[in-house]
Amino acid sequence: MKYKGSTQKIDLIGDIHGHYLELRLLLEKLGYSLQGLNLAHPDNRKLAFVGDFINRGPQSIEVLKLVRSLHQSGDAFVVLGNHEFNLIRNLVAGNSIPDEFVPFIPWLRTLPLFLELETLRIVHAAWHFSSINILEQVLVADDLFIIETFKKESMYKRASQSILSGIKIIIPKDLKLVDRFAIPRTKGRLRWWLDLRGKSYSECFFSPTFPEISDRGPTETEVSMLEPYIRREKPVFIGHYCLPPNMAKICGQVVCLDGCVTCDKRLWGYRHEGEHTPDTSNLIQVKLEEI
């Protein structure tokens, strides 16, 4: 979805996952005052959320109420994350979902899968140009589209997975890789914005895996679907990748604001002033202990 209008002063917020207290703390640190569900900023700044408001944390409903109010009042841009999209898919498929989420479904189905603004782009996991083009005209409110995402060979399934869950490859079984929480991984999330031909697995994977593999890498066929995101493109803001605190959040024009708030107790934001090149000095984080 494309938005026309000034988008110079935007504060972007990463994956919240039900951590309402951290969200309130980050809004305060960004200079917002919040009375109930009403928000104000002395410089008339606007918010943007990269998706994944729910699950894992203790206050998903409080987060949903606030984000919905800010979106409906015009104080925030909002895109869907894979957690909200899967919630919608489960409902359309006739599966049960938690009762407390049901009242939010009509609003969630009005939200876009991605946003292109005047000076930046927002998507949950990957701005994959071919997938964006496929999804440009679809509506999450359309059951037929949602049903298509269940079909194995559907281009809508592949496109929605790419932009909401990232582009992945199968990890060879003999490598026995685990993530930073020691959970075995069968697939690796690629640094989708780069040309990864000839790169090692350690160079290719965005979410860290261990042990580091520097002497083997994916085949050219496995990385042939990548479409490099070069420096002349607008900065793009994503979440999803649960990056550890010491890992760079800015990679060229890509800014990842998912600092794994559930595990590391840090919620990340970025103060955008219209700049073309993302600046680490504009990154902002809060920890629960600051409350």
Protein backbone atom coordinates (compact mmCIF):
# COMPACT_ATOMS: atom_id res chain seq x y z
CA MET A 1 0.00 0.00 0.00
CA LYS A 2 1.30 3.43 -0.93
CA TYR A 3 0.61 6.51 1.20
CA LYS A 4 0.79 10.04 -0.15
CA GLY A 5 1.58 12.83 2.26
CA SER A 6 4.37 14.08 4.50
CA THR A 7 6.12 11.31 6.40
CA GLN A 8 9.21 13.13 7.60
CA LYS A 9 8.78 12.83 11.36
CA ILE A 10 7.96 9.23 12.19
CA ASP A 11 8.93 7.14 15.20
CA LEU A 12 9.01 3.45 14.32
CA ILE A 13 8.52 0.71 16.90
CA GLY A 14 9.61 -2.93 16.70
CA ASP A 15 7.87 -6.18 17.63
CA ILE A 16 5.97 -5.68 20.89
CA HIS A 17 4.62 -9.20 21.46
CA GLY A 18 2.29 -8.29 24.27
CA HIS A 19 4.82 -6.27 26.29
CA TYR A 20 2.64 -3.30 27.06
CA LEU A 21 4.80 -1.83 29.83
CA GLU A 22 7.83 -1.66 27.56
CA LEU A 23 5.69 -0.01 24.89
CA ARG A 24 4.53 2.66 27.33
CA LEU A 25 8.12 3.24 28.43
CA LEU A 26 9.36 3.60 24.85
CA LEU A 27 6.58 6.05 23.99
CA GLU A 28 7.59 8.18 26.98
CA LYS A 29 11.25 8.06 25.97
CA LEU A 30 10.26 9.20 22.47
CA GLY A 31 8.53 12.23 24.00
CA TYR A 32 4.89 11.15 23.78
CA SER A 33 2.33 11.77 26.49
CA LEU A 34 -0.41 9.17 26.81
CA GLN A 35 -3.72 9.78 28.53
CA GLY A 36 -5.78 6.61 28.34
CA LEU A 37 -5.69 5.74 24.64
CA ASN A 38 -5.01 9.32 23.53
CA LEU A 39 -1.50 10.24 22.40
CA ALA A 40 0.22 13.60 21.97
CA HIS A 41 3.69 14.76 20.97
CA PRO A 42 4.96 18.36 21.21
CA ASP A 43 6.42 18.14 17.67
CA ASN A 44 3.32 16.47 16.18
CA ARG A 45 5.27 13.34 15.35
CA LYS A 46 3.62 10.16 14.15
CA LEU A 47 4.16 6.52 15.05
CA ALA A 48 4.62 3.45 12.88
CA PHE A 49 4.48 -0.20 13.97
CA VAL A 50 6.19 -3.07 12.11
CA GLY A 51 3.76 -5.77 13.30
CA ASP A 52 3.73 -8.63 15.84
CA PHE A 53 1.75 -6.98 18.61
CA ILE A 54 0.56 -10.25 20.15
CA ASN A 55 1.68 -13.50 21.81
CA ARG A 56 4.57 -14.31 24.16
CA GLY A 57 4.13 -11.31 26.45
CA PRO A 58 1.54 -10.90 29.23
CA GLN A 59 -0.57 -8.02 27.85
CA SER A 60 -1.42 -8.62 24.21
CA ILE A 61 -4.91 -7.21 24.62
CA GLU A 62 -3.67 -3.96 26.13
CA VAL A 63 -1.22 -3.60 23.25
CA LEU A 64 -3.92 -4.29 20.68
CA LYS A 65 -6.27 -1.75 22.25
CA LEU A 66 -3.63 0.96 22.19
CA VAL A 67 -2.29 0.28 18.69
CA ARG A 68 -5.82 0.04 17.28
CA SER A 69 -6.77 3.35 18.88
CA LEU A 70 -3.64 5.09 17.57
CA HIS A 71 -4.24 3.73 14.08
CA GLN A 72 -7.90 4.66 13.99
CA SER A 73 -7.18 8.18 15.26
CA GLY A 74 -4.59 8.69 12.52
CA ASP A 75 -1.68 8.89 14.97
CA ALA A 76 0.04 5.73 13.70
CA PHE A 77 0.82 3.71 10.61
CA VAL A 78 0.47 -0.03 11.19
CA VAL A 79 1.37 -3.14 9.17
CA LEU A 80 0.62 -6.76 9.98
CA GLY A 81 3.19 -9.14 11.38
CA ASN A 82 3.23 -12.88 10.82
CA HIS A 83 1.58 -13.47 14.21
CA GLU A 84 -1.47 -11.37 13.35
CA PHE A 85 -1.61 -12.78 9.83
CA ASN A 86 -1.56 -16.34 11.13
CA LEU A 87 -4.33 -15.45 13.57
CA ILE A 88 -6.47 -14.27 10.64
CA ARG A 89 -5.60 -17.37 8.60
CA ASN A 90 -6.62 -19.66 11.45
CA LEU A 91 -9.97 -17.93 11.76
CA VAL A 92 -10.68 -18.13 8.02
CA ALA A 93 -9.69 -21.80 8.04
CA GLY A 94 -12.25 -22.51 10.75
CA ASN A 95 -9.72 -23.13 13.49
CA SER A 96 -10.27 -21.86 17.00
CA ILE A 97 -8.47 -18.73 18.13
CA PRO A 98 -8.33 -17.23 21.63
CA ASP A 99 -11.63 -15.57 22.44
CA GLU A 100 -9.95 -12.37 23.58
CA PHE A 101 -8.56 -11.79 20.09
CA VAL A 102 -11.88 -12.13 18.26
CA PRO A 103 -13.05 -8.49 18.75
CA PHE A 104 -9.86 -7.24 17.08
CA ILE A 105 -10.15 -9.33 13.91
CA PRO A 106 -12.26 -6.83 11.90
CA TRP A 107 -9.67 -4.11 12.55
CA LEU A 108 -6.68 -6.36 11.90
CA ARG A 109 -8.16 -7.27 8.52
CA THR A 110 -8.12 -3.61 7.47
CA LEU A 111 -4.34 -3.41 7.91
CA PRO A 112 -1.86 -3.59 5.02
CA LEU A 113 0.86 -6.20 4.60
CA PHE A 114 3.37 -3.44 3.83
CA LEU A 115 3.54 0.33 3.43
CA GLU A 116 5.46 2.58 1.08
CA LEU A 117 5.66 6.13 2.40
CA GLU A 118 7.28 9.24 1.02
CA THR A 119 10.66 8.70 2.68
CA LEU A 120 10.61 5.09 3.90
CA ARG A 121 9.10 1.63 3.60
CA ILE A 122 7.68 -0.66 6.28
CA VAL A 123 7.22 -4.43 6.13
CA HIS A 124 7.45 -7.06 8.81
CA ALA A 125 10.30 -9.26 7.52
CA ALA A 126 11.48 -8.62 3.93
CA TRP A 127 10.92 -6.07 1.18
CA HIS A 128 11.11 -8.62 -1.62
CA PHE A 129 10.19 -6.67 -4.73
CA SER A 130 8.58 -9.54 -6.66
CA SER A 131 6.47 -10.52 -3.67
CA ILE A 132 5.47 -6.92 -3.00
CA ASN A 133 4.28 -6.61 -6.61
CA ILE A 134 2.20 -9.79 -6.29
CA LEU A 135 0.54 -8.58 -3.09
CA GLU A 136 0.05 -4.94 -4.04
CA GLN A 137 -3.63 -5.32 -4.97
CA VAL A 138 -4.74 -7.91 -2.40
CA LEU A 139 -6.80 -7.22 0.69
CA VAL A 140 -6.45 -9.13 3.94
CA ALA A 141 -10.22 -8.70 4.33
CA ASP A 142 -10.73 -10.94 1.28
CA ASP A 143 -11.32 -14.56 2.32
CA LEU A 144 -10.36 -15.77 -1.15
CA PHE A 145 -6.90 -14.28 -0.75
CA ILE A 146 -6.47 -15.83 2.68
CA ILE A 147 -7.56 -19.24 1.34
CA GLU A 148 -4.98 -18.93 -1.44
CA THR A 149 -2.23 -18.68 1.19
CA PHE A 150 -2.96 -22.27 2.24
CA LYS A 151 -2.32 -23.68 -1.25
CA LYS A 152 1.15 -25.17 -1.57
CA GLU A 153 1.95 -23.86 -5.05
CA SER A 154 0.13 -20.53 -4.74
CA MET A 155 2.13 -17.42 -5.58
CA TYR A 156 0.20 -15.64 -2.82
CA LYS A 157 1.39 -18.20 -0.28
CA ARG A 158 5.02 -17.78 -1.32
CA ALA A 159 4.79 -13.99 -1.49
CA SER A 160 3.11 -13.56 1.90
CA GLN A 161 5.57 -15.96 3.54
CA SER A 162 8.52 -14.07 2.05
CA ILE A 163 7.53 -10.64 3.29
CA LEU A 164 6.07 -11.70 6.66
CA SER A 165 8.41 -14.53 7.69
CA GLY A 166 11.52 -13.78 5.67
CA ILE A 167 13.29 -15.77 2.97
CA LYS A 168 14.69 -19.05 4.26
CA ILE A 169 16.73 -22.00 3.07
CA ILE A 170 17.03 -25.53 4.44
CA ILE A 171 20.06 -26.10 6.66
CA PRO A 172 21.95 -29.33 5.85
CA LYS A 173 21.20 -31.88 8.58
CA ASP A 174 24.85 -32.67 9.23
CA LEU A 175 25.54 -29.09 10.36
CA LYS A 176 23.28 -29.45 13.42
CA LEU A 177 22.86 -25.70 13.87
CA VAL A 178 21.08 -24.11 16.84
CA ASP A 179 19.91 -20.57 17.45
CA ARG A 180 21.09 -18.38 20.32
CA PHE A 181 18.60 -20.08 22.63
CA ALA A 182 20.11 -23.52 21.78
CA ILE A 183 16.99 -24.50 19.81
CA PRO A 184 17.86 -26.72 16.81
CA ARG A 185 17.10 -25.05 13.48
CA THR A 186 16.22 -26.77 10.23
CA LYS A 187 15.98 -23.54 8.22
CA GLY A 188 18.03 -20.36 8.17
CA ARG A 189 16.73 -16.83 7.62
CA LEU A 190 18.70 -15.12 4.88
CA ARG A 191 20.08 -11.60 4.70
CA TRP A 192 17.59 -11.02 1.91
CA TRP A 193 18.91 -7.55 0.95
CA LEU A 194 22.33 -8.87 -0.19
CA ASP A 195 23.72 -10.83 -3.12
CA LEU A 196 24.70 -14.00 -1.26
CA ARG A 197 26.25 -15.96 -4.10
CA GLY A 198 29.50 -17.51 -2.92
CA LYS A 199 28.92 -16.57 0.73
CA SER A 200 29.23 -18.88 3.73
CA TYR A 201 26.30 -19.89 5.90
CA SER A 202 27.57 -17.57 8.65
CA GLU A 203 27.57 -14.66 6.19
CA CYS A 204 24.13 -15.57 4.85
CA PHE A 205 22.05 -16.02 7.99
CA PHE A 206 20.58 -12.93 9.65
CA SER A 207 19.30 -14.56 12.84
CA PRO A 208 22.50 -15.95 14.40
CA THR A 209 23.08 -19.72 14.34
CA PHE A 210 25.79 -21.77 16.05
CA PRO A 211 28.36 -23.07 15.52
CA GLU A 212 29.38 -20.54 12.90
CA ILE A 213 29.96 -22.16 9.51
CA SER A 214 32.48 -20.21 7.45
CA ASP A 215 33.68 -22.93 5.07
CA ARG A 216 30.36 -23.97 3.53
CA GLY A 217 27.44 -22.07 2.07
CA PRO A 218 24.24 -22.35 0.07
CA THR A 219 24.20 -23.09 -3.63
CA GLU A 220 23.54 -20.37 -6.17
CA THR A 221 20.14 -21.96 -6.83
CA GLU A 222 19.19 -21.64 -3.16
CA VAL A 223 19.89 -17.90 -3.12
CA SER A 224 18.68 -17.17 -6.65
CA MET A 225 15.35 -15.81 -5.41
CA LEU A 226 17.02 -12.91 -3.60
CA GLU A 227 16.61 -9.38 -4.95
CA PRO A 228 19.29 -7.11 -3.43
CA TYR A 229 18.07 -3.96 -1.71
CA ILE A 230 20.60 -1.34 -2.77
CA ARG A 231 21.53 2.03 -1.27
CA ARG A 232 19.54 4.14 -3.68
CA GLU A 233 16.33 2.58 -2.28
CA LYS A 234 14.40 4.21 0.55
CA PRO A 235 15.25 2.96 4.03
CA VAL A 236 13.06 0.00 4.94
CA PHE A 237 12.05 -0.82 8.51
CA ILE A 238 11.41 -4.41 9.57
CA GLY A 239 11.03 -6.55 12.69
CA HIS A 240 10.80 -10.33 13.06
CA TYR A 241 14.42 -11.48 13.49
CA CYS A 242 14.86 -11.45 17.29
CA LEU A 243 18.32 -9.92 17.17
CA PRO A 244 20.56 -10.06 20.25
CA PRO A 245 21.40 -6.73 21.94
CA ASN A 246 24.94 -6.53 20.56
CA MET A 247 24.02 -7.25 16.94
CA ALA A 248 23.81 -4.32 14.51
CA LYS A 249 20.25 -3.20 13.85
CA ILE A 250 21.14 -1.23 10.70
CA CYS A 251 22.46 -3.03 7.61
CA GLY A 252 22.72 -0.60 4.70
CA GLN A 253 19.19 0.63 4.02
CA VAL A 254 17.58 -2.05 6.20
CA VAL A 255 16.71 -1.31 9.83
CA CYS A 256 15.58 -4.23 11.99
CA LEU A 257 13.75 -3.17 15.15
CA ASP A 258 13.13 -6.60 16.65
CA GLY A 259 15.42 -6.91 19.66
CA CYS A 260 13.59 -9.92 21.12
CA VAL A 261 11.68 -8.04 23.79
CA THR A 262 10.41 -11.24 25.45
CA CYS A 263 13.87 -12.68 26.09
CA ASP A 264 16.10 -9.62 26.33
CA LYS A 265 13.53 -7.22 27.84
CA ARG A 266 14.48 -4.55 25.29
CA LEU A 267 12.04 -2.81 22.97
CA TRP A 268 13.60 -0.93 20.06
CA GLY A 269 12.50 2.14 18.15
CA TYR A 270 13.89 4.52 15.54
CA ARG A 271 13.38 8.27 15.26
CA HIS A 272 13.08 8.99 11.54
CA GLU A 273 13.62 12.57 10.38
CA GLY A 274 13.30 11.98 6.65
CA GLU A 275 16.95 10.96 6.13
CA HIS A 276 17.81 8.65 3.23
CA THR A 277 20.63 6.87 5.05
CA PRO A 278 19.66 5.30 8.40
CA ASP A 279 21.71 6.55 11.34
CA THR A 280 22.52 4.50 14.44
CA SER A 281 22.15 7.63 16.58
CA ASN A 282 18.42 7.54 15.83
CA LEU A 283 17.97 4.09 17.36
CA ILE A 284 16.27 4.11 20.76
CA GLN A 285 15.81 1.23 23.19
CA VAL A 286 14.22 0.71 26.56
CA LYS A 287 14.53 -2.04 29.14
CA LEU A 288 11.89 -3.11 31.62
CA GLU A 289 14.23 -2.28 34.51
CA GLU A 290 13.95 1.39 33.56
CA ILE A 291 10.33 1.50 34.73
